[in-house]
């Protein structure tokens, strides 16, 4: 993930969470990078780093942060986004 993408993800993540200070930025950066790696392991290709990619990383990171102390499944909207991205990758490689 490029530094610019990471900075964009961090900014959007903090807006989503309603956080304006920098006290937990190290934690948030680590969470975003871990989410990025997790999504890659699921089969998502982030080579183009589009706005959709950034939003997916932010949404997944926000879900991970909010639900870190609960045993809650992934929301359907995130499941659909991830599934569609994996299918999109497979469809592109078959063409």
N, C-alpha and C. Protein backbone atom coordinates (compact mmCIF):
# COMPACT_ATOMS: atom_id res chain seq x y z
N UNK A 1 0.86 -1.17 0.00
CA UNK A 1 0.00 0.00 0.00
C UNK A 1 0.90 1.23 0.00
N UNK A 2 0.61 2.18 -0.86
CA UNK A 2 1.43 3.39 -0.93
C UNK A 2 1.17 4.29 0.28
N UNK A 3 2.11 5.16 0.53
CA UNK A 3 1.98 6.09 1.66
C UNK A 3 0.77 7.01 1.48
N UNK A 4 0.53 7.42 0.24
CA UNK A 4 -0.62 8.30 -0.04
C UNK A 4 -1.93 7.57 0.24
N UNK A 5 -2.02 6.32 -0.19
CA UNK A 5 -3.23 5.53 0.07
C UNK A 5 -3.42 5.32 1.56
N UNK A 6 -2.33 5.03 2.26
CA UNK A 6 -2.41 4.84 3.71
C UNK A 6 -2.89 6.13 4.40
N UNK A 7 -2.36 7.27 3.96
CA UNK A 7 -2.78 8.55 4.54
C UNK A 7 -4.26 8.82 4.26
N UNK A 8 -4.72 8.51 3.04
CA UNK A 8 -6.14 8.67 2.71
C UNK A 8 -7.01 7.75 3.55
N UNK A 9 -6.58 6.51 3.70
CA UNK A 9 -7.33 5.55 4.52
C UNK A 9 -7.42 6.02 5.96
N UNK A 10 -6.31 6.49 6.50
CA UNK A 10 -6.29 6.97 7.88
C UNK A 10 -7.24 8.15 8.06
N UNK A 11 -7.18 9.09 7.14
CA UNK A 11 -8.05 10.27 7.22
C UNK A 11 -9.53 9.88 7.16
N UNK A 12 -9.88 9.02 6.22
CA UNK A 12 -11.28 8.58 6.10
C UNK A 12 -11.72 7.74 7.28
N UNK A 13 -10.83 6.89 7.78
CA UNK A 13 -11.13 6.07 8.95
C UNK A 13 -11.45 6.95 10.15
N UNK A 14 -10.63 7.97 10.38
CA UNK A 14 -10.84 8.85 11.52
C UNK A 14 -12.13 9.66 11.36
N UNK A 15 -12.45 10.07 10.15
CA UNK A 15 -13.72 10.76 9.91
C UNK A 15 -14.90 9.84 10.23
N UNK A 16 -14.81 8.60 9.79
CA UNK A 16 -15.87 7.62 10.04
C UNK A 16 -16.06 7.39 11.54
N UNK A 17 -14.96 7.35 12.27
CA UNK A 17 -15.01 7.09 13.71
C UNK A 17 -15.32 8.36 14.53
N UNK A 18 -15.26 9.52 13.90
CA UNK A 18 -15.50 10.77 14.62
C UNK A 18 -14.32 11.17 15.48
N UNK A 19 -13.12 10.81 15.07
CA UNK A 19 -11.91 11.10 15.84
C UNK A 19 -11.16 12.24 15.17
N UNK A 20 -10.78 13.24 15.97
CA UNK A 20 -10.07 14.39 15.41
C UNK A 20 -8.63 14.52 15.91
N UNK A 21 -8.26 13.75 16.91
CA UNK A 21 -6.90 13.84 17.45
C UNK A 21 -5.99 12.79 16.82
N UNK A 22 -4.69 12.90 17.10
CA UNK A 22 -3.70 11.98 16.53
C UNK A 22 -3.15 10.99 17.55
N UNK A 23 -3.76 10.89 18.71
CA UNK A 23 -3.20 10.09 19.79
C UNK A 23 -3.14 8.60 19.47
N UNK A 24 -4.06 8.09 18.69
CA UNK A 24 -4.11 6.66 18.38
C UNK A 24 -3.72 6.34 16.94
N UNK A 25 -3.07 7.27 16.28
CA UNK A 25 -2.74 7.07 14.86
C UNK A 25 -1.89 5.82 14.64
N UNK A 26 -0.97 5.53 15.54
CA UNK A 26 -0.13 4.34 15.38
C UNK A 26 -1.00 3.08 15.38
N UNK A 27 -1.94 3.01 16.30
CA UNK A 27 -2.86 1.87 16.35
C UNK A 27 -3.70 1.79 15.08
N UNK A 28 -4.23 2.93 14.64
CA UNK A 28 -5.08 2.96 13.46
C UNK A 28 -4.31 2.58 12.20
N UNK A 29 -3.09 3.06 12.07
CA UNK A 29 -2.26 2.71 10.91
C UNK A 29 -2.01 1.22 10.88
N UNK A 30 -1.68 0.66 12.03
CA UNK A 30 -1.46 -0.79 12.10
C UNK A 30 -2.72 -1.56 11.73
N UNK A 31 -3.87 -1.10 12.22
CA UNK A 31 -5.15 -1.74 11.92
C UNK A 31 -5.46 -1.68 10.42
N UNK A 32 -5.20 -0.53 9.81
CA UNK A 32 -5.46 -0.36 8.38
C UNK A 32 -4.54 -1.27 7.56
N UNK A 33 -3.26 -1.32 7.94
CA UNK A 33 -2.32 -2.19 7.21
C UNK A 33 -2.69 -3.66 7.38
N UNK A 34 -3.11 -4.05 8.57
CA UNK A 34 -3.53 -5.43 8.81
C UNK A 34 -4.79 -5.76 8.01
N UNK A 35 -5.72 -4.82 7.94
CA UNK A 35 -6.94 -5.02 7.16
C UNK A 35 -6.61 -5.17 5.68
N UNK A 36 -5.69 -4.35 5.20
CA UNK A 36 -5.24 -4.43 3.81
C UNK A 36 -4.69 -5.82 3.51
N UNK A 37 -3.83 -6.33 4.39
CA UNK A 37 -3.23 -7.65 4.20
C UNK A 37 -4.30 -8.76 4.27
N UNK A 38 -5.24 -8.62 5.19
CA UNK A 38 -6.32 -9.60 5.32
C UNK A 38 -7.15 -9.67 4.05
N UNK A 39 -7.49 -8.50 3.52
CA UNK A 39 -8.28 -8.45 2.29
C UNK A 39 -7.51 -9.03 1.11
N UNK A 40 -6.21 -8.79 1.07
CA UNK A 40 -5.38 -9.39 0.02
C UNK A 40 -5.40 -10.91 0.12
N UNK A 41 -5.34 -11.43 1.34
CA UNK A 41 -5.38 -12.88 1.54
C UNK A 41 -6.71 -13.48 1.09
N UNK A 42 -7.76 -12.66 1.12
CA UNK A 42 -9.07 -13.12 0.66
C UNK A 42 -9.15 -13.17 -0.87
N UNK A 43 -8.14 -12.60 -1.53
CA UNK A 43 -8.08 -12.65 -2.99
C UNK A 43 -8.34 -11.35 -3.69
N UNK A 44 -8.34 -10.24 -2.97
CA UNK A 44 -8.60 -8.94 -3.59
C UNK A 44 -7.28 -8.35 -4.09
N UNK A 45 -7.30 -7.86 -5.31
CA UNK A 45 -6.13 -7.27 -5.94
C UNK A 45 -6.22 -5.74 -5.82
N UNK A 46 -5.26 -5.15 -5.14
CA UNK A 46 -5.26 -3.71 -4.92
C UNK A 46 -4.22 -2.98 -5.77
N UNK A 47 -3.85 -3.52 -6.92
CA UNK A 47 -2.78 -2.90 -7.70
C UNK A 47 -3.14 -1.51 -8.21
N UNK A 48 -4.40 -1.24 -8.50
CA UNK A 48 -4.79 0.07 -9.02
C UNK A 48 -5.09 1.09 -7.93
N UNK A 49 -5.41 0.63 -6.73
CA UNK A 49 -5.74 1.50 -5.59
C UNK A 49 -6.76 2.58 -5.97
N UNK A 50 -7.94 2.13 -6.36
CA UNK A 50 -9.02 3.04 -6.73
C UNK A 50 -9.72 3.56 -5.48
N UNK A 51 -10.65 4.48 -5.69
CA UNK A 51 -11.45 5.00 -4.58
C UNK A 51 -12.26 3.88 -3.93
N UNK A 52 -12.72 2.93 -4.74
CA UNK A 52 -13.46 1.78 -4.19
C UNK A 52 -12.56 0.94 -3.29
N UNK A 53 -11.30 0.78 -3.69
CA UNK A 53 -10.34 0.04 -2.87
C UNK A 53 -10.15 0.71 -1.52
N UNK A 54 -9.94 2.01 -1.55
CA UNK A 54 -9.71 2.77 -0.32
C UNK A 54 -10.93 2.65 0.60
N UNK A 55 -12.12 2.79 0.03
CA UNK A 55 -13.34 2.72 0.84
C UNK A 55 -13.53 1.32 1.43
N UNK A 56 -13.20 0.29 0.67
CA UNK A 56 -13.32 -1.07 1.19
C UNK A 56 -12.35 -1.29 2.35
N UNK A 57 -11.13 -0.81 2.23
CA UNK A 57 -10.15 -0.93 3.31
C UNK A 57 -10.63 -0.19 4.54
N UNK A 58 -11.15 1.02 4.35
CA UNK A 58 -11.63 1.83 5.47
C UNK A 58 -12.83 1.15 6.14
N UNK A 59 -13.78 0.69 5.35
CA UNK A 59 -14.96 0.02 5.91
C UNK A 59 -14.58 -1.23 6.70
N UNK A 60 -13.68 -2.03 6.14
CA UNK A 60 -13.25 -3.25 6.82
C UNK A 60 -12.48 -2.91 8.10
N UNK A 61 -11.64 -1.89 8.03
CA UNK A 61 -10.88 -1.46 9.22
C UNK A 61 -11.81 -0.94 10.31
N UNK A 62 -12.80 -0.14 9.91
CA UNK A 62 -13.75 0.40 10.88
C UNK A 62 -14.55 -0.72 11.54
N UNK A 63 -14.97 -1.70 10.75
CA UNK A 63 -15.68 -2.85 11.33
C UNK A 63 -14.77 -3.60 12.30
N UNK A 64 -13.53 -3.82 11.91
CA UNK A 64 -12.58 -4.53 12.79
C UNK A 64 -12.38 -3.79 14.10
N UNK A 65 -12.28 -2.47 14.02
CA UNK A 65 -12.05 -1.67 15.23
C UNK A 65 -13.28 -1.67 16.13
N UNK A 66 -14.44 -1.48 15.54
CA UNK A 66 -15.67 -1.41 16.34
C UNK A 66 -16.01 -2.76 16.98
N UNK A 67 -15.72 -3.83 16.31
CA UNK A 67 -16.13 -5.16 16.77
C UNK A 67 -14.98 -5.97 17.35
N UNK A 68 -13.88 -5.33 17.71
CA UNK A 68 -12.69 -6.06 18.17
C UNK A 68 -12.89 -6.82 19.47
N UNK A 69 -13.86 -6.42 20.29
CA UNK A 69 -14.08 -7.09 21.56
C UNK A 69 -15.35 -7.93 21.56
N UNK A 70 -15.98 -8.04 20.40
CA UNK A 70 -17.21 -8.81 20.29
C UNK A 70 -17.03 -9.92 19.25
N UNK A 71 -17.79 -10.95 19.38
CA UNK A 71 -17.77 -12.03 18.39
C UNK A 71 -18.94 -11.81 17.43
N UNK A 72 -18.76 -10.87 16.51
CA UNK A 72 -19.82 -10.49 15.59
C UNK A 72 -19.34 -10.78 14.17
N UNK A 73 -20.21 -11.38 13.38
CA UNK A 73 -19.86 -11.69 12.00
C UNK A 73 -19.75 -10.45 11.13
N UNK A 74 -19.14 -10.64 9.99
CA UNK A 74 -18.97 -9.56 9.02
C UNK A 74 -20.33 -9.15 8.47
N UNK A 75 -20.62 -7.84 8.42
CA UNK A 75 -21.91 -7.39 7.89
C UNK A 75 -22.10 -7.79 6.42
N UNK A 76 -23.34 -7.95 6.03
CA UNK A 76 -23.64 -8.39 4.66
C UNK A 76 -23.10 -7.43 3.61
N UNK A 77 -23.17 -6.12 3.87
CA UNK A 77 -22.69 -5.18 2.86
C UNK A 77 -21.19 -5.36 2.61
N UNK A 78 -20.42 -5.63 3.67
CA UNK A 78 -18.99 -5.88 3.49
C UNK A 78 -18.75 -7.23 2.82
N UNK A 79 -19.54 -8.22 3.18
CA UNK A 79 -19.42 -9.52 2.52
C UNK A 79 -19.65 -9.39 1.02
N UNK A 80 -20.67 -8.62 0.64
CA UNK A 80 -20.97 -8.42 -0.78
C UNK A 80 -19.84 -7.68 -1.49
N UNK A 81 -19.31 -6.63 -0.86
CA UNK A 81 -18.22 -5.88 -1.47
C UNK A 81 -17.00 -6.77 -1.69
N UNK A 82 -16.65 -7.55 -0.69
CA UNK A 82 -15.48 -8.44 -0.80
C UNK A 82 -15.74 -9.50 -1.86
N UNK A 83 -16.91 -10.11 -1.82
CA UNK A 83 -17.26 -11.15 -2.79
C UNK A 83 -17.21 -10.59 -4.21
N UNK A 84 -17.79 -9.41 -4.42
CA UNK A 84 -17.80 -8.81 -5.75
C UNK A 84 -16.39 -8.50 -6.25
N UNK A 85 -15.52 -8.06 -5.35
CA UNK A 85 -14.13 -7.78 -5.75
C UNK A 85 -13.39 -9.05 -6.12
N UNK A 86 -13.62 -10.13 -5.38
CA UNK A 86 -12.96 -11.41 -5.69
C UNK A 86 -13.47 -11.93 -7.04
N UNK A 87 -14.78 -11.85 -7.26
CA UNK A 87 -15.37 -12.28 -8.53
C UNK A 87 -14.84 -11.42 -9.68
N UNK A 88 -14.72 -10.13 -9.45
CA UNK A 88 -14.21 -9.21 -10.46
C UNK A 88 -12.79 -9.61 -10.88
N UNK A 89 -11.98 -9.99 -9.91
CA UNK A 89 -10.60 -10.40 -10.20
C UNK A 89 -10.59 -11.68 -11.02
N UNK A 90 -11.40 -12.65 -10.64
CA UNK A 90 -11.46 -13.92 -11.35
C UNK A 90 -11.97 -13.71 -12.77
N UNK A 91 -12.99 -12.87 -12.91
CA UNK A 91 -13.54 -12.59 -14.24
C UNK A 91 -12.53 -11.92 -15.15
N UNK A 92 -11.71 -11.04 -14.59
CA UNK A 92 -10.71 -10.33 -15.39
C UNK A 92 -9.61 -11.28 -15.86
N UNK A 93 -9.26 -12.26 -15.04
CA UNK A 93 -8.18 -13.18 -15.42
C UNK A 93 -8.63 -14.21 -16.44
N UNK A 94 -9.94 -14.46 -16.54
CA UNK A 94 -10.46 -15.42 -17.52
C UNK A 94 -10.65 -14.80 -18.90
N UNK A 95 -10.67 -13.49 -18.97
CA UNK A 95 -10.96 -12.80 -20.23
C UNK A 95 -9.85 -12.95 -21.24
